[in-house]
Amino acid sequence: MGSVAKKMVDSLKSKEFRTYLMSTHFWGPVANWGIPIAAIADFNKDPKFISPNMTVALCAYSLMFMRFAWKVQPRNMLLFACHFTNELTQLGQLGRYVHYTYISPQSTDSRV
C-alpha cells in the first residue's frame, strides 16, 4: 500500500474522523444535500411547474448558508459545497423559468 493510501486509511480510522461522523457538522450538510439533488432531478421536468418565488428564496437561502459555512470555525466545507451546488442548480432553474415564460415561442400561448 502506498504511503498516500496508508495515510488516508489511517485518517479514516482516527478518533477525530469518527467524532466528525457523529457531529452535526457532518450530518447537517448530508441532510441538506436533498435540496440540490431534488433541483437537479427537476431539470427533467416541464419548466411550467417552476415557482419563481420559491426558486429566488432558495437562492437567497443558499447564499446565506454559504457565508455561514465559510465563517463558522472550523469551516464547514461540506455545507459550503452543498449550498454552492444548490445555488447553481436554483439559478439554472430560474433561467429555465425565464426562458420558458419570457423568451420561448410558446410564451405568447395561454398556459394552464
PDB file of N, CA and C in Angstrom:
ATOM      1  N   MET A   1       0.857  -1.185   0.000  1.00  0.00           N
ATOM      2  CA  MET A   1       0.000   0.000   0.000  1.00  0.00           C
ATOM      3  C   MET A   1       0.893   1.235   0.000  1.00  0.00           C
ATOM      4  N   GLY A   2       0.586   2.191  -0.874  1.00  0.00           N
ATOM      5  CA  GLY A   2       1.379   3.409  -0.968  1.00  0.00           C
ATOM      6  C   GLY A   2       1.244   4.259   0.282  1.00  0.00           C
ATOM      7  N   SER A   3       2.169   5.162   0.463  1.00  0.00           N
ATOM      8  CA  SER A   3       2.148   5.992   1.662  1.00  0.00           C
ATOM      9  C   SER A   3       0.929   6.928   1.692  1.00  0.00           C
ATOM     10  N   VAL A   4       0.502   7.405   0.536  1.00  0.00           N
ATOM     11  CA  VAL A   4      -0.678   8.276   0.490  1.00  0.00           C
ATOM     12  C   VAL A   4      -1.922   7.489   0.879  1.00  0.00           C
ATOM     13  N   ALA A   5      -2.061   6.291   0.335  1.00  0.00           N
ATOM     14  CA  ALA A   5      -3.213   5.448   0.659  1.00  0.00           C
ATOM     15  C   ALA A   5      -3.202   5.074   2.138  1.00  0.00           C
ATOM     16  N   LYS A   6      -2.044   4.770   2.672  1.00  0.00           N
ATOM     17  CA  LYS A   6      -1.936   4.411   4.093  1.00  0.00           C
ATOM     18  C   LYS A   6      -2.335   5.597   4.971  1.00  0.00           C
ATOM     19  N   LYS A   7      -1.897   6.804   4.604  1.00  0.00           N
ATOM     20  CA  LYS A   7      -2.267   7.997   5.366  1.00  0.00           C
ATOM     21  C   LYS A   7      -3.774   8.221   5.329  1.00  0.00           C
ATOM     22  N   MET A   8      -4.385   7.983   4.171  1.00  0.00           N
ATOM     23  CA  MET A   8      -5.840   8.143   4.057  1.00  0.00           C
ATOM     24  C   MET A   8      -6.565   7.141   4.932  1.00  0.00           C
ATOM     25  N   VAL A   9      -6.130   5.882   4.904  1.00  0.00           N
ATOM     26  CA  VAL A   9      -6.759   4.847   5.726  1.00  0.00           C
ATOM     27  C   VAL A   9      -6.584   5.170   7.203  1.00  0.00           C
ATOM     28  N   ASP A  10      -5.384   5.583   7.587  1.00  0.00           N
ATOM     29  CA  ASP A  10      -5.139   5.955   8.982  1.00  0.00           C
ATOM     30  C   ASP A  10      -6.015   7.129   9.402  1.00  0.00           C
ATOM     31  N   SER A  11      -6.189   8.083   8.504  1.00  0.00           N
ATOM     32  CA  SER A  11      -7.043   9.231   8.794  1.00  0.00           C
ATOM     33  C   SER A  11      -8.502   8.796   8.988  1.00  0.00           C
ATOM     34  N   LEU A  12      -8.970   7.886   8.139  1.00  0.00           N
ATOM     35  CA  LEU A  12     -10.351   7.397   8.257  1.00  0.00           C
ATOM     36  C   LEU A  12     -10.567   6.596   9.536  1.00  0.00           C
ATOM     37  N   LYS A  13      -9.517   5.988  10.060  1.00  0.00           N
ATOM     38  CA  LYS A  13      -9.612   5.200  11.287  1.00  0.00           C
ATOM     39  C   LYS A  13      -9.454   6.052  12.545  1.00  0.00           C
ATOM     40  N   SER A  14      -9.099   7.300  12.394  1.00  0.00           N
ATOM     41  CA  SER A  14      -8.770   8.136  13.551  1.00  0.00           C
ATOM     42  C   SER A  14     -10.001   8.470  14.393  1.00  0.00           C
ATOM     43  N   LYS A  15      -9.750   8.779  15.658  1.00  0.00           N
ATOM     44  CA  LYS A  15     -10.807   9.186  16.587  1.00  0.00           C
ATOM     45  C   LYS A  15     -11.441  10.495  16.119  1.00  0.00           C
ATOM     46  N   GLU A  16     -10.628  11.409  15.570  1.00  0.00           N
ATOM     47  CA  GLU A  16     -11.149  12.691  15.100  1.00  0.00           C
ATOM     48  C   GLU A  16     -12.172  12.495  13.974  1.00  0.00           C
ATOM     49  N   PHE A  17     -11.881  11.571  13.066  1.00  0.00           N
ATOM     50  CA  PHE A  17     -12.807  11.321  11.962  1.00  0.00           C
ATOM     51  C   PHE A  17     -14.098  10.685  12.471  1.00  0.00           C
ATOM     52  N   ARG A  18     -13.995   9.748  13.391  1.00  0.00           N
ATOM     53  CA  ARG A  18     -15.197   9.128  13.967  1.00  0.00           C
ATOM     54  C   ARG A  18     -16.034  10.171  14.701  1.00  0.00           C
ATOM     55  N   THR A  19     -15.372  11.076  15.404  1.00  0.00           N
ATOM     56  CA  THR A  19     -16.090  12.155  16.090  1.00  0.00           C
ATOM     57  C   THR A  19     -16.791  13.055  15.080  1.00  0.00           C
ATOM     58  N   TYR A  20     -16.098  13.369  13.989  1.00  0.00           N
ATOM     59  CA  TYR A  20     -16.687  14.191  12.929  1.00  0.00           C
ATOM     60  C   TYR A  20     -17.924  13.515  12.336  1.00  0.00           C
ATOM     61  N   LEU A  21     -17.858  12.201  12.122  1.00  0.00           N
ATOM     62  CA  LEU A  21     -19.007  11.481  11.550  1.00  0.00           C
ATOM     63  C   LEU A  21     -20.220  11.477  12.474  1.00  0.00           C
ATOM     64  N   MET A  22     -20.004  11.701  13.748  1.00  0.00           N
ATOM     65  CA  MET A  22     -21.108  11.708  14.712  1.00  0.00           C
ATOM     66  C   MET A  22     -21.550  13.120  15.079  1.00  0.00           C
ATOM     67  N   SER A  23     -21.143  14.114  14.298  1.00  0.00           N
ATOM     68  CA  SER A  23     -21.444  15.508  14.629  1.00  0.00           C
ATOM     69  C   SER A  23     -22.470  16.116  13.676  1.00  0.00           C
ATOM     70  N   THR A  24     -23.060  17.223  14.113  1.00  0.00           N
ATOM     71  CA  THR A  24     -23.967  17.970  13.235  1.00  0.00           C
ATOM     72  C   THR A  24     -23.192  18.681  12.136  1.00  0.00           C
ATOM     73  N   HIS A  25     -21.891  18.865  12.346  1.00  0.00           N
ATOM     74  CA  HIS A  25     -21.035  19.467  11.327  1.00  0.00           C
ATOM     75  C   HIS A  25     -20.995  18.581  10.077  1.00  0.00           C
ATOM     76  N   PHE A  26     -21.261  17.279  10.260  1.00  0.00           N
ATOM     77  CA  PHE A  26     -21.318  16.331   9.144  1.00  0.00           C
ATOM     78  C   PHE A  26     -22.755  16.058   8.732  1.00  0.00           C
ATOM     79  N   TRP A  27     -23.620  15.687   9.663  1.00  0.00           N
ATOM     80  CA  TRP A  27     -24.975  15.245   9.326  1.00  0.00           C
ATOM     81  C   TRP A  27     -25.890  16.369   8.856  1.00  0.00           C
ATOM     82  N   GLY A  28     -25.675  17.600   9.314  1.00  0.00           N
ATOM     83  CA  GLY A  28     -26.470  18.729   8.823  1.00  0.00           C
ATOM     84  C   GLY A  28     -26.315  18.905   7.317  1.00  0.00           C
ATOM     85  N   PRO A  29     -25.072  19.001   6.827  1.00  0.00           N
ATOM     86  CA  PRO A  29     -24.899  19.113   5.383  1.00  0.00           C
ATOM     87  C   PRO A  29     -25.383  17.887   4.610  1.00  0.00           C
ATOM     88  N   VAL A  30     -25.182  16.709   5.181  1.00  0.00           N
ATOM     89  CA  VAL A  30     -25.652  15.495   4.490  1.00  0.00           C
ATOM     90  C   VAL A  30     -27.167  15.578   4.279  1.00  0.00           C
ATOM     91  N   ALA A  31     -27.886  15.999   5.311  1.00  0.00           N
ATOM     92  CA  ALA A  31     -29.344  16.134   5.189  1.00  0.00           C
ATOM     93  C   ALA A  31     -29.715  17.216   4.180  1.00  0.00           C
ATOM     94  N   ASN A  32     -28.936  18.292   4.137  1.00  0.00           N
ATOM     95  CA  ASN A  32     -29.214  19.387   3.206  1.00  0.00           C
ATOM     96  C   ASN A  32     -29.007  19.013   1.752  1.00  0.00           C
ATOM     97  N   TRP A  33     -28.238  17.983   1.467  1.00  0.00           N
ATOM     98  CA  TRP A  33     -27.981  17.606   0.076  1.00  0.00           C
ATOM     99  C   TRP A  33     -29.255  17.215  -0.659  1.00  0.00           C
ATOM    100  N   GLY A  34     -30.335  16.929   0.065  1.00  0.00           N
ATOM    101  CA  GLY A  34     -31.604  16.612  -0.583  1.00  0.00           C
ATOM    102  C   GLY A  34     -32.127  17.755  -1.438  1.00  0.00           C
ATOM    103  N   ILE A  35     -31.835  19.000  -1.047  1.00  0.00           N
ATOM    104  CA  ILE A  35     -32.341  20.166  -1.787  1.00  0.00           C
ATOM    105  C   ILE A  35     -31.697  20.270  -3.171  1.00  0.00           C
ATOM    106  N   PRO A  36     -30.360  20.296  -3.278  1.00  0.00           N
ATOM    107  CA  PRO A  36     -29.803  20.381  -4.636  1.00  0.00           C
ATOM    108  C   PRO A  36     -30.040  19.125  -5.463  1.00  0.00           C
ATOM    109  N   ILE A  37     -30.102  17.966  -4.819  1.00  0.00           N
ATOM    110  CA  ILE A  37     -30.388  16.734  -5.565  1.00  0.00           C
ATOM    111  C   ILE A  37     -31.784  16.808  -6.181  1.00  0.00           C
ATOM    112  N   ALA A  38     -32.755  17.310  -5.423  1.00  0.00           N
ATOM    113  CA  ALA A  38     -34.114  17.470  -5.956  1.00  0.00           C
ATOM    114  C   ALA A  38     -34.132  18.482  -7.098  1.00  0.00           C
ATOM    115  N   ALA A  39     -33.381  19.572  -6.955  1.00  0.00           N
ATOM    116  CA  ALA A  39     -33.335  20.586  -8.016  1.00  0.00           C
ATOM    117  C   ALA A  39     -32.706  20.022  -9.288  1.00  0.00           C
ATOM    118  N   ILE A  40     -31.672  19.210  -9.115  1.00  0.00           N
ATOM    119  CA  ILE A  40     -31.040  18.576 -10.281  1.00  0.00           C
ATOM    120  C   ILE A  40     -32.027  17.628 -10.959  1.00  0.00           C
ATOM    121  N   ALA A  41     -32.751  16.849 -10.163  1.00  0.00           N
ATOM    122  CA  ALA A  41     -33.743  15.919 -10.719  1.00  0.00           C
ATOM    123  C   ALA A  41     -34.853  16.674 -11.449  1.00  0.00           C
ATOM    124  N   ASP A  42     -35.184  17.874 -10.969  1.00  0.00           N
ATOM    125  CA  ASP A  42     -36.248  18.662 -11.586  1.00  0.00           C
ATOM    126  C   ASP A  42     -35.887  19.229 -12.953  1.00  0.00           C
ATOM    127  N   PHE A  43     -34.616  19.160 -13.341  1.00  0.00           N
ATOM    128  CA  PHE A  43     -34.246  19.621 -14.672  1.00  0.00           C
ATOM    129  C   PHE A  43     -34.920  18.785 -15.757  1.00  0.00           C
ATOM    130  N   ASN A  44     -35.377  17.593 -15.426  1.00  0.00           N
ATOM    131  CA  ASN A  44     -36.076  16.741 -16.391  1.00  0.00           C
ATOM    132  C   ASN A  44     -37.564  17.049 -16.470  1.00  0.00           C
ATOM    133  N   LYS A  45     -38.058  17.919 -15.605  1.00  0.00           N
ATOM    134  CA  LYS A  45     -39.488  18.228 -15.579  1.00  0.00           C
ATOM    135  C   LYS A  45     -39.789  19.483 -16.393  1.00  0.00           C
ATOM    136  N   ASP A  46     -41.041  19.619 -16.751  1.00  0.00           N
ATOM    137  CA  ASP A  46     -41.502  20.765 -17.531  1.00  0.00           C
ATOM    138  C   ASP A  46     -41.285  22.060 -16.741  1.00  0.00           C
ATOM    139  N   PRO A  47     -40.710  23.090 -17.358  1.00  0.00           N
ATOM    140  CA  PRO A  47     -40.443  24.344 -16.634  1.00  0.00           C
ATOM    141  C   PRO A  47     -41.698  25.113 -16.223  1.00  0.00           C
ATOM    142  N   LYS A  48     -42.846  24.734 -16.749  1.00  0.00           N
ATOM    143  CA  LYS A  48     -44.065  25.455 -16.346  1.00  0.00           C
ATOM    144  C   LYS A  48     -44.401  25.223 -14.874  1.00  0.00           C
ATOM    145  N   PHE A  49     -43.796  24.217 -14.264  1.00  0.00           N
ATOM    146  CA  PHE A  49     -44.061  23.920 -12.860  1.00  0.00           C
ATOM    147  C   PHE A  49     -43.099  24.632 -11.904  1.00  0.00           C
ATOM    148  N   ILE A  50     -42.141  25.377 -12.425  1.00  0.00           N
ATOM    149  CA  ILE A  50     -41.161  26.068 -11.583  1.00  0.00           C
ATOM    150  C   ILE A  50     -41.821  27.269 -10.912  1.00  0.00           C
ATOM    151  N   SER A  51     -41.628  27.377  -9.608  1.00  0.00           N
ATOM    152  CA  SER A  51     -42.120  28.532  -8.851  1.00  0.00           C
ATOM    153  C   SER A  51     -40.992  29.556  -8.760  1.00  0.00           C
ATOM    154  N   PRO A  52     -41.138  30.698  -9.420  1.00  0.00           N
ATOM    155  CA  PRO A  52     -40.055  31.682  -9.358  1.00  0.00           C
ATOM    156  C   PRO A  52     -39.839  32.226  -7.943  1.00  0.00           C
ATOM    157  N   ASN A  53     -40.908  32.383  -7.178  1.00  0.00           N
ATOM    158  CA  ASN A  53     -40.772  32.885  -5.806  1.00  0.00           C
ATOM    159  C   ASN A  53     -39.960  31.919  -4.942  1.00  0.00           C
ATOM    160  N   MET A  54     -40.265  30.641  -5.026  1.00  0.00           N
ATOM    161  CA  MET A  54     -39.545  29.644  -4.240  1.00  0.00           C
ATOM    162  C   MET A  54     -38.099  29.523  -4.715  1.00  0.00           C
ATOM    163  N   THR A  55     -37.882  29.610  -6.014  1.00  0.00           N
ATOM    164  CA  THR A  55     -36.533  29.499  -6.563  1.00  0.00           C
ATOM    165  C   THR A  55     -35.668  30.655  -6.087  1.00  0.00           C
ATOM    166  N   VAL A  56     -36.193  31.867  -6.098  1.00  0.00           N
ATOM    167  CA  VAL A  56     -35.447  33.028  -5.600  1.00  0.00           C
ATOM    168  C   VAL A  56     -35.189  32.881  -4.098  1.00  0.00           C
ATOM    169  N   ALA A  57     -36.182  32.401  -3.362  1.00  0.00           N
ATOM    170  CA  ALA A  57     -35.995  32.190  -1.917  1.00  0.00           C
ATOM    171  C   ALA A  57     -34.888  31.173  -1.659  1.00  0.00           C
ATOM    172  N   LEU A  58     -34.850  30.100  -2.437  1.00  0.00           N
ATOM    173  CA  LEU A  58     -33.809  29.092  -2.262  1.00  0.00           C
ATOM    174  C   LEU A  58     -32.438  29.630  -2.651  1.00  0.00           C
ATOM    175  N   CYS A  59     -32.380  30.517  -3.627  1.00  0.00           N
ATOM    176  CA  CYS A  59     -31.105  31.166  -3.976  1.00  0.00           C
ATOM    177  C   CYS A  59     -30.601  32.003  -2.799  1.00  0.00           C
ATOM    178  N   ALA A  60     -31.484  32.806  -2.213  1.00  0.00           N
ATOM    179  CA  ALA A  60     -31.095  33.643  -1.071  1.00  0.00           C
ATOM    180  C   ALA A  60     -30.669  32.773   0.113  1.00  0.00           C
ATOM    181  N   TYR A  61     -31.427  31.726   0.371  1.00  0.00           N
ATOM    182  CA  TYR A  61     -31.120  30.788   1.459  1.00  0.00           C
ATOM    183  C   TYR A  61     -29.733  30.184   1.282  1.00  0.00           C
ATOM    184  N   SER A  62     -29.425  29.748   0.073  1.00  0.00           N
ATOM    185  CA  SER A  62     -28.124  29.122  -0.162  1.00  0.00           C
ATOM    186  C   SER A  62     -26.986  30.130  -0.062  1.00  0.00           C
ATOM    187  N   LEU A  63     -27.204  31.350  -0.522  1.00  0.00           N
ATOM    188  CA  LEU A  63     -26.167  32.378  -0.372  1.00  0.00           C
ATOM    189  C   LEU A  63     -25.856  32.635   1.096  1.00  0.00           C
ATOM    190  N   MET A  64     -26.903  32.735   1.918  1.00  0.00           N
ATOM    191  CA  MET A  64     -26.691  32.978   3.349  1.00  0.00           C
ATOM    192  C   MET A  64     -25.946  31.816   4.006  1.00  0.00           C
ATOM    193  N   PHE A  65     -26.326  30.593   3.658  1.00  0.00           N
ATOM    194  CA  PHE A  65     -25.673  29.455   4.295  1.00  0.00           C
ATOM    195  C   PHE A  65     -24.285  29.180   3.737  1.00  0.00           C
ATOM    196  N   MET A  66     -23.999  29.611   2.508  1.00  0.00           N
ATOM    197  CA  MET A  66     -22.617  29.525   2.027  1.00  0.00           C
ATOM    198  C   MET A  66     -21.738  30.436   2.877  1.00  0.00           C
ATOM    199  N   ARG A  67     -22.222  31.635   3.163  1.00  0.00           N
ATOM    200  CA  ARG A  67     -21.462  32.565   4.006  1.00  0.00           C
ATOM    201  C   ARG A  67     -21.281  31.983   5.399  1.00  0.00           C
ATOM    202  N   PHE A  68     -22.361  31.445   5.967  1.00  0.00           N
ATOM    203  CA  PHE A  68     -22.269  30.841   7.296  1.00  0.00           C
ATOM    204  C   PHE A  68     -21.238  29.714   7.310  1.00  0.00           C
ATOM    205  N   ALA A  69     -21.299  28.834   6.319  1.00  0.00           N
ATOM    206  CA  ALA A  69     -20.380  27.690   6.262  1.00  0.00           C
ATOM    207  C   ALA A  69     -18.935  28.157   6.163  1.00  0.00           C
ATOM    208  N   TRP A  70     -18.711  29.295   5.519  1.00  0.00           N
ATOM    209  CA  TRP A  70     -17.360  29.826   5.376  1.00  0.00           C
ATOM    210  C   TRP A  70     -16.882  30.479   6.674  1.00  0.00           C
ATOM    211  N   LYS A  71     -17.797  31.161   7.392  1.00  0.00           N
ATOM    212  CA  LYS A  71     -17.429  31.912   8.592  1.00  0.00           C
ATOM    213  C   LYS A  71     -17.322  31.052   9.850  1.00  0.00           C
ATOM    214  N   VAL A  72     -18.113  29.981   9.934  1.00  0.00           N
ATOM    215  CA  VAL A  72     -18.098  29.147  11.138  1.00  0.00           C
ATOM    216  C   VAL A  72     -16.717  28.511  11.292  1.00  0.00           C
ATOM    217  N   GLN A  73     -16.294  28.335  12.539  1.00  0.00           N
ATOM    218  CA  GLN A  73     -14.989  27.714  12.793  1.00  0.00           C
ATOM    219  C   GLN A  73     -15.179  26.383  13.497  1.00  0.00           C
ATOM    220  N   PRO A  74     -14.617  25.312  13.033  1.00  0.00           N
ATOM    221  CA  PRO A  74     -13.865  25.227  11.794  1.00  0.00           C
ATOM    222  C   PRO A  74     -14.808  25.349  10.592  1.00  0.00           C
ATOM    223  N   ARG A  75     -14.266  25.793   9.464  1.00  0.00           N
ATOM    224  CA  ARG A  75     -15.079  25.956   8.259  1.00  0.00           C
ATOM    225  C   ARG A  75     -15.743  24.636   7.900  1.00  0.00           C
ATOM    226  N   ASN A  76     -16.992  24.744   7.488  1.00  0.00           N
ATOM    227  CA  ASN A  76     -17.736  23.545   7.101  1.00  0.00           C
ATOM    228  C   ASN A  76     -17.811  23.492   5.575  1.00  0.00           C
ATOM    229  N   MET A  77     -16.811  22.893   4.979  1.00  0.00           N
ATOM    230  CA  MET A  77     -16.725  22.855   3.516  1.00  0.00           C
ATOM    231  C   MET A  77     -17.780  21.936   2.904  1.00  0.00           C
ATOM    232  N   LEU A  78     -18.226  20.931   3.643  1.00  0.00           N
ATOM    233  CA  LEU A  78     -19.301  20.071   3.149  1.00  0.00           C
ATOM    234  C   LEU A  78     -20.595  20.875   3.021  1.00  0.00           C
ATOM    235  N   LEU A  79     -20.888  21.695   4.010  1.00  0.00           N
ATOM    236  CA  LEU A  79     -22.066  22.561   3.952  1.00  0.00           C
ATOM    237  C   LEU A  79     -21.912  23.598   2.845  1.00  0.00           C
ATOM    238  N   PHE A  80     -20.719  24.164   2.711  1.00  0.00           N
ATOM    239  CA  PHE A  80     -20.467  25.140   1.650  1.00  0.00           C
ATOM    240  C   PHE A  80     -20.691  24.514   0.281  1.00  0.00           C
ATOM    241  N   ALA A  81     -20.162  23.313   0.066  1.00  0.00           N
ATOM    242  CA  ALA A  81     -20.316  22.632  -1.225  1.00  0.00           C
ATOM    243  C   ALA A  81     -21.782  22.348  -1.526  1.00  0.00           C
ATOM    244  N   CYS A  82     -22.530  21.951  -0.502  1.00  0.00           N
ATOM    245  CA  CYS A  82     -23.963  21.672  -0.674  1.00  0.00           C
ATOM    246  C   CYS A  82     -24.692  22.927  -1.146  1.00  0.00           C
ATOM    247  N   HIS A  83     -24.461  24.052  -0.481  1.00  0.00           N
ATOM    248  CA  HIS A  83     -25.178  25.270  -0.831  1.00  0.00           C
ATOM    249  C   HIS A  83     -24.646  25.918  -2.106  1.00  0.00           C
ATOM    250  N   PHE A  84     -23.380  25.725  -2.413  1.00  0.00           N
ATOM    251  CA  PHE A  84     -22.851  26.181  -3.692  1.00  0.00           C
ATOM    252  C   PHE A  84     -23.533  25.422  -4.830  1.00  0.00           C
ATOM    253  N   THR A  85     -23.648  24.113  -4.670  1.00  0.00           N
ATOM    254  CA  THR A  85     -24.338  23.290  -5.667  1.00  0.00           C
ATOM    255  C   THR A  85     -25.794  23.707  -5.800  1.00  0.00           C
ATOM    256  N   ASN A  86     -26.445  23.951  -4.658  1.00  0.00           N
ATOM    257  CA  ASN A  86     -27.844  24.372  -4.700  1.00  0.00           C
ATOM    258  C   ASN A  86     -27.992  25.729  -5.378  1.00  0.00           C
ATOM    259  N   GLU A  87     -27.079  26.650  -5.100  1.00  0.00           N
ATOM    260  CA  GLU A  87     -27.142  27.973  -5.738  1.00  0.00           C
ATOM    261  C   GLU A  87     -27.079  27.830  -7.258  1.00  0.00           C
ATOM    262  N   LEU A  88     -26.141  27.020  -7.733  1.00  0.00           N
ATOM    263  CA  LEU A  88     -26.019  26.823  -9.184  1.00  0.00           C
ATOM    264  C   LEU A  88     -27.260  26.181  -9.780  1.00  0.00           C
ATOM    265  N   THR A  89     -27.799  25.172  -9.110  1.00  0.00           N
ATOM    266  CA  THR A  89     -28.983  24.499  -9.665  1.00  0.00           C
ATOM    267  C   THR A  89     -30.208  25.394  -9.617  1.00  0.00           C
ATOM    268  N   GLN A  90     -30.360  26.184  -8.554  1.00  0.00           N
ATOM    269  CA  GLN A  90     -31.512  27.084  -8.480  1.00  0.00           C
ATOM    270  C   GLN A  90     -31.406  28.180  -9.537  1.00  0.00           C
ATOM    271  N   LEU A  91     -30.204  28.687  -9.762  1.00  0.00           N
ATOM    272  CA  LEU A  91     -30.031  29.679 -10.828  1.00  0.00           C
ATOM    273  C   LEU A  91     -30.335  29.056 -12.191  1.00  0.00           C
ATOM    274  N   GLY A  92     -29.964  27.806 -12.363  1.00  0.00           N
ATOM    275  CA  GLY A  92     -30.305  27.100 -13.601  1.00  0.00           C
ATOM    276  C   GLY A  92     -31.806  26.958 -13.768  1.00  0.00           C
ATOM    277  N   GLN A  93     -32.496  26.631 -12.683  1.00  0.00           N
ATOM    278  CA  GLN A  93     -33.961  26.514 -12.735  1.00  0.00           C
ATOM    279  C   GLN A  93     -34.594  27.872 -13.018  1.00  0.00           C
ATOM    280  N   LEU A  94     -34.061  28.917 -12.405  1.00  0.00           N
ATOM    281  CA  LEU A  94     -34.587  30.259 -12.655  1.00  0.00           C
ATOM    282  C   LEU A  94     -34.389  30.653 -14.117  1.00  0.00           C
ATOM    283  N   GLY A  95     -33.243  30.283 -14.667  1.00  0.00           N
ATOM    284  CA  GLY A  95     -33.000  30.531 -16.088  1.00  0.00           C
ATOM    285  C   GLY A  95     -33.985  29.785 -16.966  1.00  0.00           C
ATOM    286  N   ARG A  96     -34.282  28.544 -16.609  1.00  0.00           N
ATOM    287  CA  ARG A  96     -35.278  27.767 -17.361  1.00  0.00           C
ATOM    288  C   ARG A  96     -36.641  28.440 -17.293  1.00  0.00           C
ATOM    289  N   TYR A  97     -37.012  28.932 -16.111  1.00  0.00           N
ATOM    290  CA  TYR A  97     -38.304  29.597 -15.928  1.00  0.00           C
ATOM    291  C   TYR A  97     -38.381  30.860 -16.800  1.00  0.00           C
ATOM    292  N   VAL A  98     -37.327  31.682 -16.751  1.00  0.00           N
ATOM    293  CA  VAL A  98     -37.305  32.928 -17.528  1.00  0.00           C
ATOM    294  C   VAL A  98     -37.386  32.613 -19.016  1.00  0.00           C
ATOM    295  N   HIS A  99     -36.631  31.624 -19.452  1.00  0.00           N
ATOM    296  CA  HIS A  99     -36.650  31.258 -20.872  1.00  0.00           C
ATOM    297  C   HIS A  99     -38.042  30.779 -21.276  1.00  0.00           C
ATOM    298  N   TYR A 100     -38.636  29.909 -20.472  1.00  0.00           N
ATOM    299  CA  TYR A 100     -39.948  29.356 -20.794  1.00  0.00           C
ATOM    300  C   TYR A 100     -41.023  30.443 -20.783  1.00  0.00           C
ATOM    301  N   THR A 101     -40.963  31.333 -19.793  1.00  0.00           N
ATOM    302  CA  THR A 101     -42.019  32.326 -19.605  1.00  0.00           C
ATOM    303  C   THR A 101     -41.888  33.524 -20.531  1.00  0.00           C
ATOM    304  N   TYR A 102     -40.669  33.978 -20.789  1.00  0.00           N
ATOM    305  CA  TYR A 102     -40.495  35.244 -21.491  1.00  0.00           C
ATOM    306  C   TYR A 102     -39.806  35.158 -22.848  1.00  0.00           C
ATOM    307  N   ILE A 103     -39.068  34.088 -23.117  1.00  0.00           N
ATOM    308  CA  ILE A 103     -38.247  34.055 -24.330  1.00  0.00           C
ATOM    309  C   ILE A 103     -38.750  33.062 -25.373  1.00  0.00           C
ATOM    310  N   SER A 104     -39.147  31.879 -24.934  1.00  0.00           N
ATOM    311  CA  SER A 104     -39.512  30.831 -25.893  1.00  0.00           C
ATOM    312  C   SER A 104     -40.771  31.202 -26.674  1.00  0.00           C
ATOM    313  N   PRO A 105     -40.904  30.650 -27.887  1.00  0.00           N
ATOM    314  CA  PRO A 105     -42.052  30.999 -28.738  1.00  0.00           C
ATOM    315  C   PRO A 105     -43.418  30.719 -28.096  1.00  0.00           C
ATOM    316  N   GLN A 106     -43.491  29.676 -27.302  1.00  0.00           N
ATOM    317  CA  GLN A 106     -44.786  29.353 -26.692  1.00  0.00           C
ATOM    318  C   GLN A 106     -45.129  30.292 -25.545  1.00  0.00           C
ATOM    319  N   SER A 107     -44.226  31.254 -25.195  1.00  0.00           N
ATOM    320  CA  SER A 107     -44.515  32.161 -24.096  1.00  0.00           C
ATOM    321  C   SER A 107     -45.705  33.065 -24.395  1.00  0.00           C
ATOM    322  N   THR A 108     -46.066  33.199 -25.653  1.00  0.00           N
ATOM    323  CA  THR A 108     -47.235  34.004 -26.002  1.00  0.00           C
ATOM    324  C   THR A 108     -48.515  33.183 -25.936  1.00  0.00           C
ATOM    325  N   ASP A 109     -48.375  31.835 -25.866  1.00  0.00           N
ATOM    326  CA  ASP A 109     -49.532  30.955 -25.747  1.00  0.00           C
ATOM    327  C   ASP A 109     -50.128  31.065 -24.364  1.00  0.00           C
ATOM    328  N   SER A 110     -51.409  30.741 -24.249  1.00  0.00           N
ATOM    329  CA  SER A 110     -52.012  30.670 -22.925  1.00  0.00           C
ATOM    330  C   SER A 110     -51.568  29.366 -22.265  1.00  0.00           C
ATOM    331  N   ARG A 111     -51.289  29.452 -20.975  1.00  0.00           N
ATOM    332  CA  ARG A 111     -50.790  28.275 -20.248  1.00  0.00           C
ATOM    333  C   ARG A 111     -51.767  27.880 -19.169  1.00  0.00           C
ATOM    334  N   VAL A 112     -51.681  26.600 -18.836  1.00  0.00           N
ATOM    335  CA  VAL A 112     -52.531  26.058 -17.766  1.00  0.00           C
ATOM    336  C   VAL A 112     -51.844  26.259 -16.455  1.00  0.00           C
TER     337      VAL A 112
END
